[in-house]
């Protein structure tokens, strides 16, 4: 018996260590989240890079072309691409919970309904883009630059339809935890886009027009690849049964989630763009605009890195709630939040020690690089808050709380954040720092409100139609 004591003591020590690690994080859940999140990060970055590469090619054609493509790309995201991303958020709830509830046939119908909604809104976006020159001039942009931006957007019009369809298809696959095909169908068109853009601009002689035209073509290639995969793969024999007129019956229920989801995304995206416009009204407007634009781009890249965890938690939460496993859904949120914050801290440390190198990628001006160094502490705070709120926003999409998140973003950014940015920047004289301090206040308010929503709101499955169509789709309202 005495000889057994060392073994028992050693075993007990191992159990104690294992219990400590288990209390810190669920290793199995963390592993599953990481394997899901990183492909989603790569997919998202690849789609973001397609239009970015087009802008880079345009920049080598001249200063006016660079300014026009940059303005066109920025206005394109503000007025169209962000909207398409938001509209597809309805599928994160409907397809995610439908898949968890084993109502597989409904996923294909929801996908078609969402594509119809995306097509409808893409038509209005196309009209806005086609007549964007007078709109941009009205917004006090340079006439020559506005003309080039409008030309860029005209040839990106086919791309807005493809981008909207892609976002719907991405959510359809994401909610079924199918991610590797998304990587393939985004990375392959991305590499092809480099060759295509070079050919359209320099070989076929299309010049500036070829930059945005190639982006449209690449987005369509990506969508067609995914559509062929879904149509031909036996993996989707239960969730995709082909085109059906029944999809029109589900448009209104989809709209109940799609509209607040779009508002939720656009309100946050517009807040960052407003900061750039406000920077142009400061004393040293050229320096301030460049500096705030660099900070916004840094924030966007950091968010794209942590976006995969937002998609992961949305899928895990919607699937588990659809299956009736609320406790598993809450555990997934806890694990994902820890992973996202850890990744956010990693990005912050890299930025803190390498801010001069990072700033040199945007500008050779020592004045801008020095100014960016002073802004870095504020940017790191906003990145950490953005990492946390990204996960909490994913929870809202998975649970069907888009309307609550949209209201949160409205109050956080436009009642708290932007007024404080004006106060700190203009009245108190903090200039550039004041703008970003106001944004941080908005992000902090947003994060706190989303925490309260996540903790206090009842986690309830939305009522989905069964496969016989006997019950109505009712959107959970809190």
Protein backbone atom coordinates (compact mmCIF):
# COMPACT_ATOMS: atom_id res chain seq x y z
CA UNK A 1 0.00 0.00 0.00
CA UNK A 2 2.86 2.36 0.87
CA UNK A 3 4.38 1.76 -2.56
CA UNK A 4 1.17 3.01 -4.14
CA UNK A 5 1.34 6.44 -2.47
CA UNK A 6 3.92 8.04 -4.83
CA UNK A 7 1.87 6.90 -7.84
CA UNK A 8 -1.33 8.27 -6.32
CA UNK A 9 0.41 11.54 -5.47
CA UNK A 10 1.79 11.84 -9.02
CA UNK A 11 -1.59 11.05 -10.53
CA UNK A 12 -3.24 13.59 -8.25
CA UNK A 13 -0.73 16.25 -9.32
CA UNK A 14 -1.54 15.56 -12.99
CA UNK A 15 -5.26 15.81 -12.31
CA UNK A 16 -4.76 19.07 -10.46
CA UNK A 17 -2.77 20.50 -13.38
CA UNK A 18 -5.33 19.28 -15.86
CA UNK A 19 -8.16 20.83 -13.82
CA UNK A 20 -6.34 24.19 -13.78
CA UNK A 21 -5.93 24.13 -17.57
CA UNK A 22 -9.55 23.09 -18.03
CA UNK A 23 -10.70 26.00 -15.88
CA UNK A 24 -8.68 28.38 -18.03
CA UNK A 25 -10.00 27.22 -21.41
CA UNK A 26 -11.79 24.26 -22.96
CA UNK A 27 -8.96 22.78 -25.05
CA UNK A 28 -11.25 20.72 -27.30
CA UNK A 29 -13.49 23.69 -28.05
CA UNK A 30 -10.47 25.96 -28.59
CA UNK A 31 -8.97 23.52 -31.08
CA UNK A 32 -12.24 23.32 -33.02
CA UNK A 33 -12.53 27.11 -33.05
CA UNK A 34 -8.98 27.60 -34.31
CA UNK A 35 -9.42 25.09 -37.14
CA UNK A 36 -12.57 26.99 -38.16
CA UNK A 37 -11.35 30.54 -37.61
CA UNK A 38 -8.06 30.56 -39.53
CA UNK A 39 -9.57 29.43 -42.87
CA UNK A 40 -12.24 32.11 -42.42
CA UNK A 41 -9.54 34.72 -41.77
CA UNK A 42 -7.71 33.69 -44.94
CA UNK A 43 -10.95 33.78 -46.94
CA UNK A 44 -11.92 37.23 -45.69
CA UNK A 45 -8.45 38.69 -46.28
CA UNK A 46 -8.39 37.23 -49.81
CA UNK A 47 -11.66 38.93 -50.79
CA UNK A 48 -10.48 42.19 -49.21
CA UNK A 49 -7.22 41.94 -51.17
CA UNK A 50 -8.92 41.65 -54.58
CA UNK A 51 -10.04 45.29 -54.66
CA UNK A 52 -6.87 46.37 -52.84
CA UNK A 53 -4.71 44.88 -55.63
CA UNK A 54 -6.79 46.75 -58.21
CA UNK A 55 -6.05 50.00 -56.37
CA UNK A 56 -2.33 49.15 -56.32
CA UNK A 57 -2.28 48.64 -60.09
CA UNK A 58 -4.17 51.92 -60.57
CA UNK A 59 -1.62 53.69 -58.38
CA UNK A 60 1.16 52.84 -60.81
CA UNK A 61 -0.72 54.63 -63.61
CA UNK A 62 -0.45 58.07 -61.98
CA UNK A 63 -1.35 60.18 -58.96
CA UNK A 64 -4.84 61.03 -60.19
CA UNK A 65 -5.53 57.36 -60.92
CA UNK A 66 -4.34 56.43 -57.43
CA UNK A 67 -6.53 59.07 -55.80
CA UNK A 68 -9.51 58.12 -57.98
CA UNK A 69 -9.25 54.39 -57.33
CA UNK A 70 -8.70 54.95 -53.60
CA UNK A 71 -11.73 57.23 -53.37
CA UNK A 72 -13.78 54.87 -55.55
CA UNK A 73 -12.82 51.84 -53.49
CA UNK A 74 -13.59 53.64 -50.22
CA UNK A 75 -16.94 54.93 -51.48
CA UNK A 76 -17.69 51.48 -52.90
CA UNK A 77 -17.30 49.85 -49.49
CA UNK A 78 -19.24 52.58 -47.69
CA UNK A 79 -22.19 52.63 -50.10
CA UNK A 80 -22.33 49.05 -51.35
CA UNK A 81 -19.99 46.28 -50.26
CA UNK A 82 -20.54 46.85 -46.53
CA UNK A 83 -24.29 46.72 -47.21
CA UNK A 84 -23.95 43.39 -49.03
CA UNK A 85 -21.94 41.97 -46.14
CA UNK A 86 -24.57 43.08 -43.65
CA UNK A 87 -27.54 41.76 -45.62
CA UNK A 88 -26.06 38.26 -45.69
CA UNK A 89 -25.93 38.26 -41.87
CA UNK A 90 -29.50 36.94 -41.79
CA UNK A 91 -28.18 33.59 -43.00
CA UNK A 92 -25.89 33.29 -39.98
CA UNK A 93 -29.03 33.05 -37.86
CA UNK A 94 -31.42 31.21 -40.19
CA UNK A 95 -29.01 28.72 -41.76
CA UNK A 96 -27.02 28.27 -38.55
CA UNK A 97 -30.00 27.46 -36.37
CA UNK A 98 -31.71 25.55 -39.17
CA UNK A 99 -28.67 23.32 -39.56
CA UNK A 100 -28.51 22.76 -35.81
CA UNK A 101 -32.21 21.86 -35.78
CA UNK A 102 -31.62 19.41 -38.68
CA UNK A 103 -34.01 21.31 -40.96
CA UNK A 104 -31.55 20.90 -43.81
CA UNK A 105 -33.85 21.63 -46.73
CA UNK A 106 -34.58 25.11 -45.40
CA UNK A 107 -30.92 26.14 -45.76
CA UNK A 108 -31.12 26.07 -49.56
CA UNK A 109 -34.36 28.05 -49.53
CA UNK A 110 -32.94 30.66 -47.17
CA UNK A 111 -29.87 30.96 -49.41
CA UNK A 112 -32.04 31.66 -52.46
CA UNK A 113 -34.17 34.17 -50.53
CA UNK A 114 -31.05 36.00 -49.38
CA UNK A 115 -29.65 36.11 -52.93
CA UNK A 116 -32.94 37.61 -54.14
CA UNK A 117 -32.70 40.29 -51.43
CA UNK A 118 -29.06 40.93 -52.34
CA UNK A 119 -29.97 41.31 -56.02
CA UNK A 120 -32.70 43.83 -55.18
CA UNK A 121 -30.38 46.05 -53.15
CA UNK A 122 -27.53 45.64 -55.66
CA UNK A 123 -29.69 47.32 -58.30
CA UNK A 124 -30.02 50.45 -56.15
CA UNK A 125 -26.30 50.39 -55.35
CA UNK A 126 -25.55 50.14 -59.08
CA UNK A 127 -27.62 53.25 -59.80
CA UNK A 128 -25.81 55.13 -57.03
CA UNK A 129 -22.42 54.06 -58.35
CA UNK A 130 -23.30 54.91 -61.95
CA UNK A 131 -24.17 58.49 -60.97
CA UNK A 132 -21.54 58.76 -58.24
CA UNK A 133 -19.58 61.67 -59.79
CA UNK A 134 -22.05 64.44 -58.82
CA UNK A 135 -22.50 62.82 -55.40
CA UNK A 136 -18.75 62.87 -54.72
CA UNK A 137 -18.43 66.46 -55.94
CA UNK A 138 -21.31 67.39 -53.61
CA UNK A 139 -19.25 65.83 -50.81
CA UNK A 140 -16.49 68.36 -51.65
CA UNK A 141 -14.16 65.94 -53.40
CA UNK A 142 -11.84 67.18 -56.16
CA UNK A 143 -13.72 67.17 -59.53
CA UNK A 144 -10.93 65.38 -61.42
CA UNK A 145 -10.56 62.75 -58.71
CA UNK A 146 -14.35 62.34 -58.51
CA UNK A 147 -14.49 61.71 -62.24
CA UNK A 148 -11.87 58.95 -61.99
CA UNK A 149 -13.60 57.44 -58.95
CA UNK A 150 -16.92 57.37 -60.81
CA UNK A 151 -15.23 55.64 -63.76
CA UNK A 152 -13.71 53.08 -61.39
CA UNK A 153 -17.10 52.38 -59.80
CA UNK A 154 -18.93 52.00 -63.12
CA UNK A 155 -16.81 48.99 -64.02
CA UNK A 156 -17.12 47.62 -60.49
CA UNK A 157 -20.93 47.48 -60.80
CA UNK A 158 -20.96 43.83 -62.00
CA UNK A 159 -18.75 43.05 -59.01
CA UNK A 160 -21.27 44.30 -56.43
CA UNK A 161 -23.74 41.61 -57.57
CA UNK A 162 -21.05 38.94 -57.38
CA UNK A 163 -19.87 40.19 -53.99
CA UNK A 164 -23.41 40.04 -52.60
CA UNK A 165 -23.90 36.50 -53.92
CA UNK A 166 -20.51 35.50 -52.53
CA UNK A 167 -21.40 36.73 -49.06
CA UNK A 168 -24.62 34.70 -49.14
CA UNK A 169 -22.79 31.59 -50.33
CA UNK A 170 -20.08 32.12 -47.74
CA UNK A 171 -22.66 32.20 -44.91
CA UNK A 172 -24.42 29.13 -46.35
CA UNK A 173 -21.19 27.11 -46.23
CA UNK A 174 -19.90 28.67 -43.02
CA UNK A 175 -22.98 27.64 -41.03
CA UNK A 176 -22.39 24.04 -42.13
CA UNK A 177 -18.74 24.31 -40.97
CA UNK A 178 -17.51 23.88 -44.55
CA UNK A 179 -14.48 26.20 -44.73
CA UNK A 180 -11.66 24.65 -46.79
CA UNK A 181 -13.54 25.11 -50.12
CA UNK A 182 -14.00 28.76 -49.15
CA UNK A 183 -10.23 29.13 -48.87
CA UNK A 184 -9.65 27.47 -52.24
CA UNK A 185 -12.35 29.52 -53.99
CA UNK A 186 -10.97 32.78 -52.61
CA UNK A 187 -7.19 32.26 -52.76
CA UNK A 188 -7.17 30.83 -56.31
CA UNK A 189 -9.15 33.79 -57.77
CA UNK A 190 -6.91 36.15 -55.79
CA UNK A 191 -3.76 34.87 -57.48
CA UNK A 192 -5.58 34.80 -60.80
CA UNK A 193 -6.66 38.38 -60.18
CA UNK A 194 -3.05 39.58 -60.16
CA UNK A 195 -2.45 38.09 -63.60
CA UNK A 196 -5.83 39.25 -64.92
CA UNK A 197 -5.33 42.82 -63.73
CA UNK A 198 -1.88 42.99 -65.29
CA UNK A 199 -3.33 41.69 -68.57
CA UNK A 200 -6.28 44.09 -68.67
CA UNK A 201 -4.21 47.12 -67.70
CA UNK A 202 -0.95 46.58 -69.59
CA UNK A 203 -1.45 43.84 -72.20
CA UNK A 204 -4.95 44.51 -73.50
CA UNK A 205 -4.57 48.27 -73.11
CA UNK A 206 -7.65 48.96 -70.99
CA UNK A 207 -5.60 51.03 -68.55
CA UNK A 208 -7.46 52.46 -65.56
CA UNK A 209 -10.75 50.84 -66.56
CA UNK A 210 -9.09 47.43 -66.41
CA UNK A 211 -8.37 47.71 -62.68
CA UNK A 212 -11.99 47.65 -61.51
CA UNK A 213 -13.19 45.49 -64.41
CA UNK A 214 -10.74 42.76 -63.41
CA UNK A 215 -12.00 42.96 -59.81
CA UNK A 216 -15.55 42.37 -61.03
CA UNK A 217 -14.43 39.39 -63.13
CA UNK A 218 -12.44 37.86 -60.26
CA UNK A 219 -15.40 38.15 -57.87
CA UNK A 220 -17.65 36.43 -60.41
CA UNK A 221 -15.09 33.67 -60.93
CA UNK A 222 -15.03 33.04 -57.18
CA UNK A 223 -18.83 32.88 -56.97
CA UNK A 224 -19.11 30.55 -59.96
CA UNK A 225 -16.49 28.23 -58.43
CA UNK A 226 -18.48 28.02 -55.20
CA UNK A 227 -21.78 27.60 -57.03
CA UNK A 228 -20.39 24.67 -59.06
CA UNK A 229 -18.99 23.10 -55.90
CA UNK A 230 -22.31 23.32 -54.05
CA UNK A 231 -24.28 22.04 -57.05
CA UNK A 232 -22.00 19.06 -57.73
CA UNK A 233 -20.93 17.98 -54.24
CA UNK A 234 -22.94 15.20 -52.59
CA UNK A 235 -22.17 16.83 -49.25
CA UNK A 236 -25.04 19.26 -49.87
CA UNK A 237 -27.64 16.81 -51.16
CA UNK A 238 -29.83 17.57 -48.12
CA UNK A 239 -29.25 21.33 -47.88
CA UNK A 240 -29.34 22.18 -51.60
CA UNK A 241 -32.12 20.69 -53.72
CA UNK A 242 -31.89 23.17 -56.57
CA UNK A 243 -33.73 26.37 -57.47
CA UNK A 244 -37.25 26.67 -56.12
CA UNK A 245 -40.01 29.29 -56.37
CA UNK A 246 -40.71 28.54 -52.71
CA UNK A 247 -37.77 30.80 -51.85
CA UNK A 248 -39.96 33.84 -52.59
CA UNK A 249 -42.18 32.91 -49.62
CA UNK A 250 -39.23 33.35 -47.24
CA UNK A 251 -38.10 36.79 -48.41
CA UNK A 252 -40.01 38.74 -45.75
CA UNK A 253 -38.76 36.61 -42.82
CA UNK A 254 -35.21 36.94 -44.18
CA UNK A 255 -35.65 40.70 -44.49
CA UNK A 256 -36.58 40.92 -40.79
CA UNK A 257 -33.04 39.81 -39.98
CA UNK A 258 -31.21 41.14 -43.06
CA UNK A 259 -32.15 44.81 -42.61
CA UNK A 260 -31.05 45.16 -38.95
CA UNK A 261 -27.95 43.10 -39.78
CA UNK A 262 -27.07 45.50 -42.60
CA UNK A 263 -27.72 48.51 -40.35
CA UNK A 264 -25.53 46.92 -37.67
CA UNK A 265 -22.58 46.54 -40.07
CA UNK A 266 -22.97 49.84 -41.92
CA UNK A 267 -23.27 52.00 -38.80
CA UNK A 268 -19.94 50.75 -37.51
CA UNK A 269 -18.20 50.96 -40.88
CA UNK A 270 -19.47 54.48 -41.54
CA UNK A 271 -18.18 55.68 -38.16
CA UNK A 272 -14.59 54.95 -39.19
CA UNK A 273 -15.04 56.72 -42.54
CA UNK A 274 -16.56 59.76 -40.82
CA UNK A 275 -13.37 60.04 -38.76
CA UNK A 276 -11.36 60.42 -41.98
CA UNK A 277 -13.71 63.17 -43.18
CA UNK A 278 -13.50 64.96 -39.82
CA UNK A 279 -9.70 64.77 -39.96
CA UNK A 280 -9.86 66.82 -43.15
CA UNK A 281 -11.38 69.70 -41.17
CA UNK A 282 -8.50 69.94 -38.68
CA UNK A 283 -5.77 72.60 -38.84
CA UNK A 284 -3.14 70.51 -40.62
CA UNK A 285 -5.70 68.66 -42.74
CA UNK A 286 -3.26 66.88 -45.06
CA UNK A 287 -1.26 65.35 -42.21
CA UNK A 288 -4.36 64.63 -40.12
CA UNK A 289 -6.21 62.91 -42.97
CA UNK A 290 -3.22 60.71 -43.82
CA UNK A 291 -2.67 59.84 -40.16
CA UNK A 292 -6.31 58.95 -39.40
CA UNK A 293 -6.56 57.00 -42.68
CA UNK A 294 -3.49 54.97 -41.63
CA UNK A 295 -5.10 54.27 -38.24
CA UNK A 296 -8.37 53.23 -39.89
CA UNK A 297 -6.53 50.90 -42.28
CA UNK A 298 -4.57 49.41 -39.37
CA UNK A 299 -7.81 48.84 -37.46
CA UNK A 300 -9.44 47.26 -40.54
CA UNK A 301 -6.54 44.85 -41.07
CA UNK A 302 -6.52 43.90 -37.38
CA UNK A 303 -10.28 43.31 -37.50
CA UNK A 304 -9.90 41.11 -40.58
CA UNK A 305 -7.41 39.01 -38.61
CA UNK A 306 -9.81 38.53 -35.70
CA UNK A 307 -12.90 38.28 -37.96
CA UNK A 308 -12.50 34.52 -38.23
CA UNK A 309 -13.38 34.18 -34.55
CA UNK A 310 -16.52 36.26 -35.06
CA UNK A 311 -17.59 33.87 -37.83
CA UNK A 312 -16.63 30.87 -35.71
CA UNK A 313 -18.65 31.91 -32.67
CA UNK A 314 -21.64 32.87 -34.83
CA UNK A 315 -21.66 29.40 -36.36
CA UNK A 316 -21.09 27.54 -33.09
CA UNK A 317 -23.76 29.54 -31.26
CA UNK A 318 -26.40 29.25 -33.99
CA UNK A 319 -25.76 25.51 -34.49
CA UNK A 320 -25.90 24.72 -30.77
CA UNK A 321 -28.97 26.87 -30.12
CA UNK A 322 -30.66 25.23 -33.10
CA UNK A 323 -29.90 21.87 -31.49
CA UNK A 324 -31.18 23.11 -28.13
CA UNK A 325 -27.72 23.05 -26.47
CA UNK A 326 -27.63 26.51 -24.90
CA UNK A 327 -24.88 25.64 -22.40
CA UNK A 328 -22.58 24.43 -25.18
CA UNK A 329 -23.25 27.67 -27.03
CA UNK A 330 -22.29 29.73 -23.97
CA UNK A 331 -19.12 27.68 -23.53
CA UNK A 332 -18.21 28.37 -27.17
CA UNK A 333 -18.61 32.11 -26.55
CA UNK A 334 -16.30 32.00 -23.53
CA UNK A 335 -13.60 30.11 -25.44
CA UNK A 336 -13.82 32.26 -28.56
CA UNK A 337 -13.68 35.49 -26.58
CA UNK A 338 -10.47 34.36 -24.88
CA UNK A 339 -8.90 33.32 -28.20
CA UNK A 340 -9.87 36.58 -29.92
CA UNK A 341 -8.51 38.72 -27.10
CA UNK A 342 -5.29 36.67 -27.07
CA UNK A 343 -4.88 37.21 -30.82
CA UNK A 344 -5.72 40.88 -30.36
CA UNK A 345 -3.02 41.20 -27.69
CA UNK A 346 -0.55 39.56 -30.09
CA UNK A 347 -1.38 42.10 -32.80
CA UNK A 348 -1.09 44.91 -30.24
CA UNK A 349 2.38 43.77 -29.14
CA UNK A 350 3.57 43.55 -32.74
CA UNK A 351 2.26 47.04 -33.41
CA UNK A 352 3.70 48.45 -30.18
CA UNK A 353 7.23 47.28 -31.00
CA UNK A 354 7.05 47.71 -34.77
CA UNK A 355 4.93 50.83 -35.29
CA UNK A 356 7.67 52.70 -37.17
CA UNK A 357 8.19 49.82 -39.59
CA UNK A 358 4.43 49.45 -40.07
CA UNK A 359 3.97 53.17 -40.69
CA UNK A 360 6.75 53.11 -43.29
CA UNK A 361 4.60 50.77 -45.42
CA UNK A 362 2.07 53.60 -45.77
CA UNK A 363 4.35 56.63 -46.04
CA UNK A 364 7.98 57.68 -46.36
CA UNK A 365 7.32 60.94 -44.52
CA UNK A 366 9.17 61.08 -41.21
CA UNK A 367 6.58 63.55 -39.94
CA UNK A 368 3.75 61.05 -40.50
CA UNK A 369 5.77 58.15 -39.06
CA UNK A 370 6.52 60.20 -35.93
CA UNK A 371 2.88 61.25 -35.59
CA UNK A 372 1.76 57.63 -35.97
CA UNK A 373 4.04 56.64 -33.09
CA UNK A 374 2.11 59.02 -30.82
CA UNK A 375 -1.19 57.52 -32.02
CA UNK A 376 -0.10 53.90 -31.53
CA UNK A 377 -1.15 53.57 -27.84
CA UNK A 378 -4.67 54.71 -28.73
CA UNK A 379 -4.84 52.38 -31.75
CA UNK A 380 -3.81 49.41 -29.60
CA UNK A 381 -6.67 50.12 -27.18
CA UNK A 382 -9.20 50.28 -30.02
CA UNK A 383 -7.87 47.02 -31.50
CA UNK A 384 -8.39 45.19 -28.19
CA UNK A 385 -11.93 46.54 -27.87
CA UNK A 386 -12.66 45.69 -31.51
CA UNK A 387 -11.44 42.12 -30.96
CA UNK A 388 -13.89 41.64 -28.09
CA UNK A 389 -16.86 43.32 -29.73
CA UNK A 390 -16.30 41.35 -32.94
CA UNK A 391 -16.93 38.12 -31.05
CA UNK A 392 -19.93 39.57 -29.20
CA UNK A 393 -21.39 40.82 -32.50
CA UNK A 394 -20.99 37.28 -33.84
CA UNK A 395 -23.00 36.03 -30.87
CA UNK A 396 -25.75 38.53 -31.72
CA UNK A 397 -25.89 37.29 -35.31
CA UNK A 398 -25.97 33.67 -34.22
CA UNK A 399 -28.80 34.28 -31.74
CA UNK A 400 -30.85 36.55 -34.01
CA UNK A 401 -30.26 39.71 -31.94
CA UNK A 402 -29.29 41.86 -34.92
CA UNK A 403 -31.88 44.51 -34.03
CA UNK A 404 -30.39 44.90 -30.54
CA UNK A 405 -26.85 45.10 -31.93
CA UNK A 406 -27.94 47.67 -34.54
CA UNK A 407 -29.47 49.88 -31.84
CA UNK A 408 -26.30 49.44 -29.77
CA UNK A 409 -24.10 50.59 -32.67
CA UNK A 410 -26.34 53.59 -33.33
CA UNK A 411 -26.11 54.82 -29.75
CA UNK A 412 -22.46 53.84 -29.18
CA UNK A 413 -21.04 55.52 -32.28
CA UNK A 414 -23.44 58.36 -33.10
CA UNK A 415 -24.76 59.40 -29.68
CA UNK A 416 -21.56 58.77 -27.70
CA UNK A 417 -18.51 58.20 -29.95
CA UNK A 418 -18.79 60.88 -32.67
CA UNK A 419 -19.94 63.74 -30.38
CA UNK A 420 -17.08 62.98 -27.99
CA UNK A 421 -14.67 62.85 -30.94
CA UNK A 422 -15.78 66.37 -31.91
CA UNK A 423 -15.51 67.54 -28.30
CA UNK A 424 -12.03 66.11 -27.71
CA UNK A 425 -10.68 67.14 -31.10
CA UNK A 426 -12.09 70.64 -31.65
CA UNK A 427 -13.18 72.02 -28.28
CA UNK A 428 -10.46 70.51 -26.07
CA UNK A 429 -7.75 70.78 -28.73
CA UNK A 430 -6.55 67.16 -28.84
CA UNK A 431 -6.73 67.24 -32.68
CA UNK A 432 -5.99 63.78 -34.20
CA UNK A 433 -5.82 62.07 -30.83
CA UNK A 434 -9.18 63.54 -29.90
CA UNK A 435 -10.87 61.90 -32.87
CA UNK A 436 -9.51 58.49 -31.94
CA UNK A 437 -10.30 59.01 -28.25
CA UNK A 438 -13.93 59.58 -29.22
CA UNK A 439 -13.87 56.37 -31.28
CA UNK A 440 -12.48 54.46 -28.29
CA UNK A 441 -15.34 55.76 -26.15
CA UNK A 442 -17.77 54.51 -28.79
CA UNK A 443 -16.10 51.09 -28.98
CA UNK A 444 -16.03 50.82 -25.18
CA UNK A 445 -19.74 51.67 -24.97
CA UNK A 446 -20.50 49.20 -27.75
CA UNK A 447 -18.54 46.40 -26.07
CA UNK A 448 -20.15 47.00 -22.67
CA UNK A 449 -23.64 47.07 -24.18
CA UNK A 450 -23.02 43.84 -26.11
CA UNK A 451 -21.76 42.19 -22.92
CA UNK A 452 -25.01 43.17 -21.17
CA UNK A 453 -27.08 41.88 -24.11
CA UNK A 454 -25.17 38.60 -24.17
CA UNK A 455 -25.49 38.05 -20.41
CA UNK A 456 -29.01 39.34 -19.79
CA UNK A 457 -30.94 38.36 -22.93
CA UNK A 458 -32.59 34.95 -23.00
CA UNK A 459 -30.87 32.56 -25.41
CA UNK A 460 -33.82 31.24 -27.40
CA UNK A 461 -34.03 29.51 -30.74
CA UNK A 462 -36.00 31.36 -33.38
CA UNK A 463 -39.04 29.45 -34.63
CA UNK A 464 -38.09 27.95 -37.97
CA UNK A 465 -40.39 26.41 -40.54
CA UNK A 466 -40.34 22.66 -40.63
CA UNK A 467 -39.74 20.89 -43.90
CA UNK A 468 -43.49 20.55 -44.54
CA UNK A 469 -43.89 24.30 -44.26
CA UNK A 470 -46.50 23.98 -41.51
CA UNK A 471 -45.25 26.71 -39.17
CA UNK A 472 -44.32 30.31 -39.87
CA UNK A 473 -40.85 31.69 -39.45
CA UNK A 474 -40.92 34.01 -36.46
CA UNK A 475 -37.98 36.22 -35.64
CA UNK A 476 -37.04 36.28 -31.97
CA UNK A 477 -37.33 39.82 -30.63
CA UNK A 478 -35.77 39.58 -27.18
